């Protein structure tokens, strides 16, 4: 499924960095900037809930990296758990390009006019 999501994002001209587990994601976040994180809840090793909490713990005042949970789980409590862990959005697999674009539009702030003219 990661390849499908990557393809959907790249088709919309997003730059994608894919990592295979949560600890690799934390390492990547430590030395590169991102507009958002798509985080699978069922990662090998440390699960997506814990990774989201760790991301939030590492943020400084005024920082907020949008995190969207992506899962194939069907349990109704997972969205509430994801939000409690600090995630901003929630997507069920399989997902469409439109659903992905809508979720990202909801969590990534639109550039202001002053940003566009700089």
PDB file of N, CA and C in Angstrom:
ATOM      1  N   UNK A   1       0.825  -1.202   0.000  1.00  0.00           N
ATOM      2  CA  UNK A   1       0.000   0.000   0.000  1.00  0.00           C
ATOM      3  C   UNK A   1       0.865   1.261   0.000  1.00  0.00           C
ATOM      4  N   UNK A   2       2.055   1.196   0.587  1.00  0.00           N
ATOM      5  CA  UNK A   2       2.932   2.364   0.622  1.00  0.00           C
ATOM      6  C   UNK A   2       3.267   2.838  -0.796  1.00  0.00           C
ATOM      7  N   UNK A   3       3.478   1.907  -1.698  1.00  0.00           N
ATOM      8  CA  UNK A   3       3.798   2.275  -3.080  1.00  0.00           C
ATOM      9  C   UNK A   3       2.620   2.992  -3.738  1.00  0.00           C
ATOM     10  N   UNK A   4       1.403   2.564  -3.433  1.00  0.00           N
ATOM     11  CA  UNK A   4       0.218   3.215  -3.993  1.00  0.00           C
ATOM     12  C   UNK A   4       0.102   4.644  -3.461  1.00  0.00           C
ATOM     13  N   UNK A   5       0.255   4.802  -2.154  1.00  0.00           N
ATOM     14  CA  UNK A   5       0.163   6.136  -1.562  1.00  0.00           C
ATOM     15  C   UNK A   5       1.269   7.034  -2.099  1.00  0.00           C
ATOM     16  N   UNK A   6       2.471   6.505  -2.212  1.00  0.00           N
ATOM     17  CA  UNK A   6       3.584   7.275  -2.772  1.00  0.00           C
ATOM     18  C   UNK A   6       3.243   7.739  -4.195  1.00  0.00           C
ATOM     19  N   UNK A   7       2.700   6.841  -5.004  1.00  0.00           N
ATOM     20  CA  UNK A   7       2.327   7.184  -6.369  1.00  0.00           C
ATOM     21  C   UNK A   7       1.266   8.271  -6.415  1.00  0.00           C
ATOM     22  N   UNK A   8       0.267   8.169  -5.539  1.00  0.00           N
ATOM     23  CA  UNK A   8      -0.788   9.189  -5.487  1.00  0.00           C
ATOM     24  C   UNK A   8      -0.201  10.548  -5.113  1.00  0.00           C
ATOM     25  N   UNK A   9       0.710  10.561  -4.158  1.00  0.00           N
ATOM     26  CA  UNK A   9       1.324  11.824  -3.730  1.00  0.00           C
ATOM     27  C   UNK A   9       2.220  12.411  -4.817  1.00  0.00           C
ATOM     28  N   UNK A  10       3.024  11.569  -5.437  1.00  0.00           N
ATOM     29  CA  UNK A  10       3.931  12.053  -6.478  1.00  0.00           C
ATOM     30  C   UNK A  10       3.164  12.559  -7.696  1.00  0.00           C
ATOM     31  N   UNK A  11       2.024  11.954  -7.985  1.00  0.00           N
ATOM     32  CA  UNK A  11       1.194  12.409  -9.092  1.00  0.00           C
ATOM     33  C   UNK A  11       0.709  13.840  -8.856  1.00  0.00           C
ATOM     34  N   UNK A  12       0.568  14.214  -7.582  1.00  0.00           N
ATOM     35  CA  UNK A  12       0.152  15.577  -7.217  1.00  0.00           C
ATOM     36  C   UNK A  12       1.356  16.481  -6.945  1.00  0.00           C
ATOM     37  N   UNK A  13       2.530  16.054  -7.379  1.00  0.00           N
ATOM     38  CA  UNK A  13       3.787  16.820  -7.305  1.00  0.00           C
ATOM     39  C   UNK A  13       4.322  16.989  -5.883  1.00  0.00           C
ATOM     40  N   UNK A  14       3.966  16.068  -4.983  1.00  0.00           N
ATOM     41  CA  UNK A  14       4.537  16.078  -3.638  1.00  0.00           C
ATOM     42  C   UNK A  14       5.869  15.342  -3.661  1.00  0.00           C
ATOM     43  N   UNK A  15       6.805  15.789  -2.862  1.00  0.00           N
ATOM     44  CA  UNK A  15       8.046  15.068  -2.652  1.00  0.00           C
ATOM     45  C   UNK A  15       7.806  14.094  -1.507  1.00  0.00           C
ATOM     46  N   UNK A  16       8.171  12.844  -1.694  1.00  0.00           N
ATOM     47  CA  UNK A  16       7.861  11.800  -0.721  1.00  0.00           C
ATOM     48  C   UNK A  16       9.151  11.177  -0.202  1.00  0.00           C
ATOM     49  N   UNK A  17       9.210  11.011   1.114  1.00  0.00           N
ATOM     50  CA  UNK A  17      10.270  10.228   1.746  1.00  0.00           C
ATOM     51  C   UNK A  17       9.577   9.086   2.464  1.00  0.00           C
ATOM     52  N   UNK A  18       9.891   7.864   2.075  1.00  0.00           N
ATOM     53  CA  UNK A  18       9.268   6.688   2.683  1.00  0.00           C
ATOM     54  C   UNK A  18      10.296   5.991   3.562  1.00  0.00           C
ATOM     55  N   UNK A  19       9.903   5.671   4.780  1.00  0.00           N
ATOM     56  CA  UNK A  19      10.747   4.890   5.675  1.00  0.00           C
ATOM     57  C   UNK A  19       9.965   3.656   6.108  1.00  0.00           C
ATOM     58  N   UNK A  20      10.687   2.628   6.530  1.00  0.00           N
ATOM     59  CA  UNK A  20      10.037   1.337   6.781  1.00  0.00           C
ATOM     60  C   UNK A  20       9.548   1.139   8.205  1.00  0.00           C
ATOM     61  N   UNK A  21       9.975   1.997   9.137  1.00  0.00           N
ATOM     62  CA  UNK A  21       9.490   1.843  10.508  1.00  0.00           C
ATOM     63  C   UNK A  21       9.511   3.183  11.227  1.00  0.00           C
ATOM     64  N   UNK A  22       8.907   3.206  12.397  1.00  0.00           N
ATOM     65  CA  UNK A  22       8.762   4.446  13.145  1.00  0.00           C
ATOM     66  C   UNK A  22      10.068   5.045  13.612  1.00  0.00           C
ATOM     67  N   UNK A  23      11.012   4.207  14.009  1.00  0.00           N
ATOM     68  CA  UNK A  23      12.291   4.738  14.474  1.00  0.00           C
ATOM     69  C   UNK A  23      13.053   5.405  13.329  1.00  0.00           C
ATOM     70  N   UNK A  24      12.949   4.834  12.133  1.00  0.00           N
ATOM     71  CA  UNK A  24      13.559   5.465  10.958  1.00  0.00           C
ATOM     72  C   UNK A  24      12.870   6.797  10.666  1.00  0.00           C
ATOM     73  N   UNK A  25      11.562   6.866  10.904  1.00  0.00           N
ATOM     74  CA  UNK A  25      10.839   8.125  10.699  1.00  0.00           C
ATOM     75  C   UNK A  25      11.339   9.194  11.669  1.00  0.00           C
ATOM     76  N   UNK A  26      11.522   8.824  12.927  1.00  0.00           N
ATOM     77  CA  UNK A  26      12.034   9.787  13.907  1.00  0.00           C
ATOM     78  C   UNK A  26      13.422  10.280  13.522  1.00  0.00           C
ATOM     79  N   UNK A  27      14.261   9.381  13.037  1.00  0.00           N
ATOM     80  CA  UNK A  27      15.600   9.773  12.601  1.00  0.00           C
ATOM     81  C   UNK A  27      15.522  10.736  11.423  1.00  0.00           C
ATOM     82  N   UNK A  28      14.657  10.464  10.479  1.00  0.00           N
ATOM     83  CA  UNK A  28      14.490  11.331   9.302  1.00  0.00           C
ATOM     84  C   UNK A  28      13.977  12.708   9.725  1.00  0.00           C
ATOM     85  N   UNK A  29      13.021  12.730  10.647  1.00  0.00           N
ATOM     86  CA  UNK A  29      12.458  13.994  11.120  1.00  0.00           C
ATOM     87  C   UNK A  29      13.489  14.838  11.870  1.00  0.00           C
ATOM     88  N   UNK A  30      14.487  14.182  12.454  1.00  0.00           N
ATOM     89  CA  UNK A  30      15.502  14.900  13.232  1.00  0.00           C
ATOM     90  C   UNK A  30      16.410  15.757  12.362  1.00  0.00           C
ATOM     91  N   UNK A  31      16.526  15.430  11.076  1.00  0.00           N
ATOM     92  CA  UNK A  31      17.442  16.220  10.242  1.00  0.00           C
ATOM     93  C   UNK A  31      16.869  16.666   8.901  1.00  0.00           C
ATOM     94  N   UNK A  32      15.551  16.689   8.778  1.00  0.00           N
ATOM     95  CA  UNK A  32      14.925  17.208   7.557  1.00  0.00           C
ATOM     96  C   UNK A  32      13.559  17.793   7.915  1.00  0.00           C
ATOM     97  N   UNK A  33      13.145  18.792   7.147  1.00  0.00           N
ATOM     98  CA  UNK A  33      11.841  19.406   7.376  1.00  0.00           C
ATOM     99  C   UNK A  33      10.781  18.796   6.473  1.00  0.00           C
ATOM    100  N   UNK A  34       9.575  18.674   7.003  1.00  0.00           N
ATOM    101  CA  UNK A  34       8.469  18.098   6.246  1.00  0.00           C
ATOM    102  C   UNK A  34       7.215  18.927   6.463  1.00  0.00           C
ATOM    103  N   UNK A  35       6.319  18.899   5.478  1.00  0.00           N
ATOM    104  CA  UNK A  35       5.036  19.584   5.595  1.00  0.00           C
ATOM    105  C   UNK A  35       4.022  18.757   6.368  1.00  0.00           C
ATOM    106  N   UNK A  36       4.155  17.430   6.303  1.00  0.00           N
ATOM    107  CA  UNK A  36       3.218  16.537   6.988  1.00  0.00           C
ATOM    108  C   UNK A  36       3.816  15.143   7.055  1.00  0.00           C
ATOM    109  N   UNK A  37       3.236  14.320   7.936  1.00  0.00           N
ATOM    110  CA  UNK A  37       3.626  12.923   8.076  1.00  0.00           C
ATOM    111  C   UNK A  37       2.381  12.064   7.905  1.00  0.00           C
ATOM    112  N   UNK A  38       2.476  11.053   7.050  1.00  0.00           N
ATOM    113  CA  UNK A  38       1.453  10.015   6.968  1.00  0.00           C
ATOM    114  C   UNK A  38       2.000   8.851   7.770  1.00  0.00           C
ATOM    115  N   UNK A  39       1.282   8.440   8.800  1.00  0.00           N
ATOM    116  CA  UNK A  39       1.812   7.487   9.758  1.00  0.00           C
ATOM    117  C   UNK A  39       0.896   6.281   9.887  1.00  0.00           C
ATOM    118  N   UNK A  40       1.401   5.127   9.468  1.00  0.00           N
ATOM    119  CA  UNK A  40       0.629   3.897   9.615  1.00  0.00           C
ATOM    120  C   UNK A  40       0.550   3.543  11.099  1.00  0.00           C
ATOM    121  N   UNK A  41      -0.598   3.105  11.548  1.00  0.00           N
ATOM    122  CA  UNK A  41      -0.746   2.749  12.953  1.00  0.00           C
ATOM    123  C   UNK A  41      -0.053   1.436  13.290  1.00  0.00           C
ATOM    124  N   UNK A  42       0.099   0.556  12.312  1.00  0.00           N
ATOM    125  CA  UNK A  42       0.677  -0.766  12.552  1.00  0.00           C
ATOM    126  C   UNK A  42       2.073  -0.867  11.951  1.00  0.00           C
ATOM    127  N   UNK A  43       3.006  -0.198  12.575  1.00  0.00           N
ATOM    128  CA  UNK A  43       4.392  -0.234  12.132  1.00  0.00           C
ATOM    129  C   UNK A  43       5.132  -1.362  12.836  1.00  0.00           C
ATOM    130  N   UNK A  44       6.168  -1.897  12.198  1.00  0.00           N
ATOM    131  CA  UNK A  44       6.976  -2.902  12.891  1.00  0.00           C
ATOM    132  C   UNK A  44       7.725  -2.245  14.056  1.00  0.00           C
ATOM    133  N   UNK A  45       7.829  -2.934  15.160  1.00  0.00           N
ATOM    134  CA  UNK A  45       8.531  -2.379  16.319  1.00  0.00           C
ATOM    135  C   UNK A  45       7.611  -1.481  17.130  1.00  0.00           C
ATOM    136  N   UNK A  46       7.837  -0.192  17.034  1.00  0.00           N
ATOM    137  CA  UNK A  46       7.056   0.796  17.776  1.00  0.00           C
ATOM    138  C   UNK A  46       5.857   1.200  16.926  1.00  0.00           C
ATOM    139  N   UNK A  47       4.634   1.150  17.495  1.00  0.00           N
ATOM    140  CA  UNK A  47       3.446   1.437  16.681  1.00  0.00           C
ATOM    141  C   UNK A  47       3.275   2.933  16.411  1.00  0.00           C
ATOM    142  N   UNK A  48       2.391   3.240  15.492  1.00  0.00           N
ATOM    143  CA  UNK A  48       2.160   4.619  15.062  1.00  0.00           C
ATOM    144  C   UNK A  48       1.685   5.533  16.177  1.00  0.00           C
ATOM    145  N   UNK A  49       0.926   5.006  17.133  1.00  0.00           N
ATOM    146  CA  UNK A  49       0.459   5.827  18.249  1.00  0.00           C
ATOM    147  C   UNK A  49       1.652   6.354  19.050  1.00  0.00           C
ATOM    148  N   UNK A  50       2.593   5.461  19.359  1.00  0.00           N
ATOM    149  CA  UNK A  50       3.770   5.853  20.142  1.00  0.00           C
ATOM    150  C   UNK A  50       4.660   6.810  19.340  1.00  0.00           C
ATOM    151  N   UNK A  51       4.813   6.561  18.047  1.00  0.00           N
ATOM    152  CA  UNK A  51       5.628   7.461  17.224  1.00  0.00           C
ATOM    153  C   UNK A  51       5.020   8.859  17.221  1.00  0.00           C
ATOM    154  N   UNK A  52       3.699   8.950  17.100  1.00  0.00           N
ATOM    155  CA  UNK A  52       3.040  10.265  17.128  1.00  0.00           C
ATOM    156  C   UNK A  52       3.309  10.967  18.456  1.00  0.00           C
ATOM    157  N   UNK A  53       3.207  10.228  19.562  1.00  0.00           N
ATOM    158  CA  UNK A  53       3.483  10.836  20.875  1.00  0.00           C
ATOM    159  C   UNK A  53       4.930  11.324  20.963  1.00  0.00           C
ATOM    160  N   UNK A  54       5.860  10.534  20.430  1.00  0.00           N
ATOM    161  CA  UNK A  54       7.270  10.939  20.451  1.00  0.00           C
ATOM    162  C   UNK A  54       7.513  12.180  19.593  1.00  0.00           C
ATOM    163  N   UNK A  55       6.858  12.251  18.437  1.00  0.00           N
ATOM    164  CA  UNK A  55       6.977  13.445  17.586  1.00  0.00           C
ATOM    165  C   UNK A  55       6.489  14.667  18.356  1.00  0.00           C
ATOM    166  N   UNK A  56       5.334  14.543  18.996  1.00  0.00           N
ATOM    167  CA  UNK A  56       4.771  15.673  19.760  1.00  0.00           C
ATOM    168  C   UNK A  56       5.683  16.066  20.928  1.00  0.00           C
ATOM    169  N   UNK A  57       6.280  15.108  21.605  1.00  0.00           N
ATOM    170  CA  UNK A  57       7.174  15.404  22.725  1.00  0.00           C
ATOM    171  C   UNK A  57       8.403  16.172  22.273  1.00  0.00           C
ATOM    172  N   UNK A  58       8.837  15.961  21.046  1.00  0.00           N
ATOM    173  CA  UNK A  58      10.058  16.595  20.530  1.00  0.00           C
ATOM    174  C   UNK A  58       9.814  17.976  19.926  1.00  0.00           C
ATOM    175  N   UNK A  59       8.559  18.326  19.736  1.00  0.00           N
ATOM    176  CA  UNK A  59       8.257  19.638  19.156  1.00  0.00           C
ATOM    177  C   UNK A  59       8.534  20.750  20.161  1.00  0.00           C
ATOM    178  N   UNK A  60       9.023  21.858  19.641  1.00  0.00           N
ATOM    179  CA  UNK A  60       9.251  23.036  20.467  1.00  0.00           C
ATOM    180  C   UNK A  60       8.012  23.922  20.420  1.00  0.00           C
ATOM    181  N   UNK A  61       7.922  24.872  21.331  1.00  0.00           N
ATOM    182  CA  UNK A  61       6.806  25.804  21.361  1.00  0.00           C
ATOM    183  C   UNK A  61       6.645  26.459  19.998  1.00  0.00           C
ATOM    184  N   UNK A  62       5.423  26.482  19.510  1.00  0.00           N
ATOM    185  CA  UNK A  62       5.134  27.085  18.211  1.00  0.00           C
ATOM    186  C   UNK A  62       5.272  26.126  17.042  1.00  0.00           C
ATOM    187  N   UNK A  63       5.822  24.956  17.256  1.00  0.00           N
ATOM    188  CA  UNK A  63       5.953  23.962  16.190  1.00  0.00           C
ATOM    189  C   UNK A  63       4.742  23.038  16.212  1.00  0.00           C
ATOM    190  N   UNK A  64       4.321  22.604  15.044  1.00  0.00           N
ATOM    191  CA  UNK A  64       3.271  21.585  14.962  1.00  0.00           C
ATOM    192  C   UNK A  64       3.348  20.938  13.589  1.00  0.00           C
ATOM    193  N   UNK A  65       3.881  19.732  13.555  1.00  0.00           N
ATOM    194  CA  UNK A  65       3.968  18.969  12.324  1.00  0.00           C
ATOM    195  C   UNK A  65       2.665  18.194  12.144  1.00  0.00           C
ATOM    196  N   UNK A  66       1.918  18.447  11.073  1.00  0.00           N
ATOM    197  CA  UNK A  66       0.680  17.694  10.861  1.00  0.00           C
ATOM    198  C   UNK A  66       0.959  16.202  10.683  1.00  0.00           C
ATOM    199  N   UNK A  67       0.192  15.381  11.396  1.00  0.00           N
ATOM    200  CA  UNK A  67       0.320  13.929  11.314  1.00  0.00           C
ATOM    201  C   UNK A  67      -1.049  13.357  10.944  1.00  0.00           C
ATOM    202  N   UNK A  68      -1.067  12.539   9.885  1.00  0.00           N
ATOM    203  CA  UNK A  68      -2.298  11.870   9.457  1.00  0.00           C
ATOM    204  C   UNK A  68      -2.103  10.373   9.633  1.00  0.00           C
ATOM    205  N   UNK A  69      -2.971   9.754  10.414  1.00  0.00           N
ATOM    206  CA  UNK A  69      -2.946   8.306  10.606  1.00  0.00           C
ATOM    207  C   UNK A  69      -3.488   7.631   9.356  1.00  0.00           C
ATOM    208  N   UNK A  70      -2.855   6.525   8.985  1.00  0.00           N
ATOM    209  CA  UNK A  70      -3.313   5.708   7.864  1.00  0.00           C
ATOM    210  C   UNK A  70      -3.395   4.281   8.385  1.00  0.00           C
ATOM    211  N   UNK A  71      -4.549   3.634   8.209  1.00  0.00           N
ATOM    212  CA  UNK A  71      -4.693   2.301   8.762  1.00  0.00           C
ATOM    213  C   UNK A  71      -5.659   1.436   7.967  1.00  0.00           C
ATOM    214  N   UNK A  72      -5.435   0.145   8.059  1.00  0.00           N
ATOM    215  CA  UNK A  72      -6.374  -0.833   7.508  1.00  0.00           C
ATOM    216  C   UNK A  72      -7.264  -1.384   8.616  1.00  0.00           C
ATOM    217  N   UNK A  73      -7.051  -0.927   9.847  1.00  0.00           N
ATOM    218  CA  UNK A  73      -7.856  -1.393  10.980  1.00  0.00           C
ATOM    219  C   UNK A  73      -9.320  -1.010  10.790  1.00  0.00           C
ATOM    220  N   UNK A  74     -10.194  -1.818  11.357  1.00  0.00           N
ATOM    221  CA  UNK A  74     -11.615  -1.513  11.232  1.00  0.00           C
ATOM    222  C   UNK A  74     -12.243  -1.121  12.567  1.00  0.00           C
ATOM    223  N   UNK A  75     -11.448  -1.111  13.635  1.00  0.00           N
ATOM    224  CA  UNK A  75     -11.981  -0.776  14.956  1.00  0.00           C
ATOM    225  C   UNK A  75     -12.408   0.676  15.055  1.00  0.00           C
ATOM    226  N   UNK A  76     -13.534   0.907  15.700  1.00  0.00           N
ATOM    227  CA  UNK A  76     -14.080   2.249  15.814  1.00  0.00           C
ATOM    228  C   UNK A  76     -13.335   3.145  16.773  1.00  0.00           C
ATOM    229  N   UNK A  77     -12.558   2.582  17.706  1.00  0.00           N
ATOM    230  CA  UNK A  77     -11.868   3.401  18.699  1.00  0.00           C
ATOM    231  C   UNK A  77     -10.520   3.925  18.206  1.00  0.00           C
ATOM    232  N   UNK A  78     -10.049   3.445  17.056  1.00  0.00           N
ATOM    233  CA  UNK A  78      -8.714   3.813  16.592  1.00  0.00           C
ATOM    234  C   UNK A  78      -8.576   5.297  16.267  1.00  0.00           C
ATOM    235  N   UNK A  79      -9.612   5.906  15.706  1.00  0.00           N
ATOM    236  CA  UNK A  79      -9.511   7.328  15.385  1.00  0.00           C
ATOM    237  C   UNK A  79      -9.376   8.147  16.669  1.00  0.00           C
ATOM    238  N   UNK A  80     -10.147   7.844  17.681  1.00  0.00           N
ATOM    239  CA  UNK A  80     -10.045   8.569  18.950  1.00  0.00           C
ATOM    240  C   UNK A  80      -8.672   8.364  19.581  1.00  0.00           C
ATOM    241  N   UNK A  81      -8.149   7.142  19.518  1.00  0.00           N
ATOM    242  CA  UNK A  81      -6.813   6.869  20.058  1.00  0.00           C
ATOM    243  C   UNK A  81      -5.743   7.635  19.276  1.00  0.00           C
ATOM    244  N   UNK A  82      -5.907   7.711  17.960  1.00  0.00           N
ATOM    245  CA  UNK A  82      -4.944   8.429  17.132  1.00  0.00           C
ATOM    246  C   UNK A  82      -4.944   9.916  17.482  1.00  0.00           C
ATOM    247  N   UNK A  83      -6.116  10.488  17.634  1.00  0.00           N
ATOM    248  CA  UNK A  83      -6.197  11.912  17.987  1.00  0.00           C
ATOM    249  C   UNK A  83      -5.641  12.157  19.387  1.00  0.00           C
ATOM    250  N   UNK A  84      -5.893  11.244  20.317  1.00  0.00           N
ATOM    251  CA  UNK A  84      -5.343  11.372  21.669  1.00  0.00           C
ATOM    252  C   UNK A  84      -3.818  11.292  21.657  1.00  0.00           C
ATOM    253  N   UNK A  85      -3.262  10.570  20.698  1.00  0.00           N
ATOM    254  CA  UNK A  85      -1.810  10.458  20.571  1.00  0.00           C
ATOM    255  C   UNK A  85      -1.201  11.674  19.879  1.00  0.00           C
ATOM    256  N   UNK A  86      -2.047  12.585  19.378  1.00  0.00           N
ATOM    257  CA  UNK A  86      -1.548  13.807  18.760  1.00  0.00           C
ATOM    258  C   UNK A  86      -1.682  13.881  17.257  1.00  0.00           C
ATOM    259  N   UNK A  87      -2.388  12.935  16.667  1.00  0.00           N
ATOM    260  CA  UNK A  87      -2.551  12.964  15.211  1.00  0.00           C
ATOM    261  C   UNK A  87      -3.683  13.911  14.828  1.00  0.00           C
ATOM    262  N   UNK A  88      -3.529  14.521  13.665  1.00  0.00           N
ATOM    263  CA  UNK A  88      -4.457  15.556  13.212  1.00  0.00           C
ATOM    264  C   UNK A  88      -5.517  15.051  12.242  1.00  0.00           C
ATOM    265  N   UNK A  89      -5.244  13.952  11.573  1.00  0.00           N
ATOM    266  CA  UNK A  89      -6.173  13.411  10.583  1.00  0.00           C
ATOM    267  C   UNK A  89      -6.161  11.899  10.634  1.00  0.00           C
ATOM    268  N   UNK A  90      -7.097  11.279   9.913  1.00  0.00           N
ATOM    269  CA  UNK A  90      -7.257   9.832   9.979  1.00  0.00           C
ATOM    270  C   UNK A  90      -7.782   9.336   8.643  1.00  0.00           C
ATOM    271  N   UNK A  91      -7.108   8.338   8.061  1.00  0.00           N
ATOM    272  CA  UNK A  91      -7.533   7.746   6.796  1.00  0.00           C
ATOM    273  C   UNK A  91      -7.582   6.233   6.908  1.00  0.00           C
ATOM    274  N   UNK A  92      -8.621   5.628   6.306  1.00  0.00           N
ATOM    275  CA  UNK A  92      -8.730   4.170   6.233  1.00  0.00           C
ATOM    276  C   UNK A  92      -8.235   3.702   4.876  1.00  0.00           C
ATOM    277  N   UNK A  93      -7.439   2.632   4.872  1.00  0.00           N
ATOM    278  CA  UNK A  93      -7.030   1.977   3.631  1.00  0.00           C
ATOM    279  C   UNK A  93      -8.120   0.988   3.239  1.00  0.00           C
ATOM    280  N   UNK A  94      -8.342   0.746   1.976  1.00  0.00           N
ATOM    281  CA  UNK A  94      -7.733   1.453   0.850  1.00  0.00           C
ATOM    282  C   UNK A  94      -8.298   2.866   0.737  1.00  0.00           C
ATOM    283  N   UNK A  95      -7.494   3.746   0.185  1.00  0.00           N
ATOM    284  CA  UNK A  95      -7.929   5.134   0.059  1.00  0.00           C
ATOM    285  C   UNK A  95      -7.726   5.615  -1.364  1.00  0.00           C
ATOM    286  N   UNK A  96      -8.462   6.653  -1.702  1.00  0.00           N
ATOM    287  CA  UNK A  96      -8.370   7.222  -3.048  1.00  0.00           C
ATOM    288  C   UNK A  96      -7.460   8.443  -3.015  1.00  0.00           C
ATOM    289  N   UNK A  97      -7.043   8.867  -4.180  1.00  0.00           N
ATOM    290  CA  UNK A  97      -6.253  10.080  -4.283  1.00  0.00           C
ATOM    291  C   UNK A  97      -7.007  11.288  -3.756  1.00  0.00           C
ATOM    292  N   UNK A  98      -8.308  11.307  -3.987  1.00  0.00           N
ATOM    293  CA  UNK A  98      -9.126  12.420  -3.509  1.00  0.00           C
ATOM    294  C   UNK A  98      -9.179  12.447  -1.979  1.00  0.00           C
ATOM    295  N   UNK A  99      -9.347  11.278  -1.365  1.00  0.00           N
ATOM    296  CA  UNK A  99      -9.368  11.215   0.100  1.00  0.00           C
ATOM    297  C   UNK A  99      -8.027  11.669   0.683  1.00  0.00           C
ATOM    298  N   UNK A 100      -6.951  11.250   0.062  1.00  0.00           N
ATOM    299  CA  UNK A 100      -5.619  11.631   0.512  1.00  0.00           C
ATOM    300  C   UNK A 100      -5.412  13.136   0.379  1.00  0.00           C
ATOM    301  N   UNK A 101      -5.776  13.687  -0.763  1.00  0.00           N
ATOM    302  CA  UNK A 101      -5.637  15.130  -0.987  1.00  0.00           C
ATOM    303  C   UNK A 101      -6.487  15.926  -0.002  1.00  0.00           C
ATOM    304  N   UNK A 102      -7.709  15.475   0.246  1.00  0.00           N
ATOM    305  CA  UNK A 102      -8.591  16.164   1.196  1.00  0.00           C
ATOM    306  C   UNK A 102      -8.004  16.144   2.608  1.00  0.00           C
ATOM    307  N   UNK A 103      -7.471  14.996   3.025  1.00  0.00           N
ATOM    308  CA  UNK A 103      -6.894  14.881   4.367  1.00  0.00           C
ATOM    309  C   UNK A 103      -5.701  15.816   4.520  1.00  0.00           C
ATOM    310  N   UNK A 104      -4.858  15.882   3.506  1.00  0.00           N
ATOM    311  CA  UNK A 104      -3.692  16.767   3.577  1.00  0.00           C
ATOM    312  C   UNK A 104      -4.117  18.232   3.558  1.00  0.00           C
ATOM    313  N   UNK A 105      -5.111  18.557   2.758  1.00  0.00           N
ATOM    314  CA  UNK A 105      -5.594  19.947   2.705  1.00  0.00           C
ATOM    315  C   UNK A 105      -6.153  20.391   4.051  1.00  0.00           C
ATOM    316  N   UNK A 106      -6.745  19.458   4.788  1.00  0.00           N
ATOM    317  CA  UNK A 106      -7.297  19.794   6.103  1.00  0.00           C
ATOM    318  C   UNK A 106      -6.221  20.054   7.139  1.00  0.00           C
ATOM    319  N   UNK A 107      -5.045  19.439   7.020  1.00  0.00           N
ATOM    320  CA  UNK A 107      -4.036  19.557   8.077  1.00  0.00           C
ATOM    321  C   UNK A 107      -2.857  20.462   7.736  1.00  0.00           C
ATOM    322  N   UNK A 108      -2.623  20.704   6.459  1.00  0.00           N
ATOM    323  CA  UNK A 108      -1.498  21.567   6.067  1.00  0.00           C
ATOM    324  C   UNK A 108      -2.036  22.965   5.833  1.00  0.00           C
ATOM    325  N   UNK A 109      -1.525  23.945   6.574  1.00  0.00           N
ATOM    326  CA  UNK A 109      -2.002  25.306   6.381  1.00  0.00           C
ATOM    327  C   UNK A 109      -1.726  25.798   4.958  1.00  0.00           C
ATOM    328  N   UNK A 110      -2.706  26.468   4.391  1.00  0.00           N
ATOM    329  CA  UNK A 110      -2.532  27.050   3.057  1.00  0.00           C
ATOM    330  C   UNK A 110      -1.563  28.217   3.162  1.00  0.00           C
ATOM    331  N   UNK A 111      -0.700  28.390   2.156  1.00  0.00           N
ATOM    332  CA  UNK A 111       0.215  29.532   2.211  1.00  0.00           C
ATOM    333  C   UNK A 111      -0.556  30.841   2.150  1.00  0.00           C
ATOM    334  N   UNK A 112      -0.097  31.783   2.946  1.00  0.00           N
ATOM    335  CA  UNK A 112      -0.753  33.096   2.922  1.00  0.00           C
ATOM    336  C   UNK A 112      -0.257  33.880   1.718  1.00  0.00           C
ATOM    337  N   UNK A 113      -0.929  34.955   1.409  1.00  0.00           N
ATOM    338  CA  UNK A 113      -0.503  35.793   0.279  1.00  0.00           C
ATOM    339  C   UNK A 113       0.886  36.344   0.495  1.00  0.00           C
ATOM    340  N   UNK A 114       1.251  36.660   1.735  1.00  0.00           N
ATOM    341  CA  UNK A 114       2.593  37.178   1.990  1.00  0.00           C
ATOM    342  C   UNK A 114       3.642  36.099   1.759  1.00  0.00           C
ATOM    343  N   UNK A 115       3.320  34.829   2.037  1.00  0.00           N
ATOM    344  CA  UNK A 115       4.252  33.745   1.771  1.00  0.00           C
ATOM    345  C   UNK A 115       4.481  33.598   0.269  1.00  0.00           C
ATOM    346  N   UNK A 116       3.427  33.737  -0.509  1.00  0.00           N
ATOM    347  CA  UNK A 116       3.518  33.533  -1.953  1.00  0.00           C
ATOM    348  C   UNK A 116       4.326  34.638  -2.625  1.00  0.00           C
ATOM    349  N   UNK A 117       4.328  35.825  -2.067  1.00  0.00           N
ATOM    350  CA  UNK A 117       5.038  36.912  -2.722  1.00  0.00           C
ATOM    351  C   UNK A 117       6.483  37.028  -2.251  1.00  0.00           C
ATOM    352  N   UNK A 118       6.884  36.272  -1.277  1.00  0.00           N
ATOM    353  CA  UNK A 118       8.251  36.367  -0.734  1.00  0.00           C
ATOM    354  C   UNK A 118       9.248  35.701  -1.638  1.00  0.00           C
TER     355      UNK A 118
END
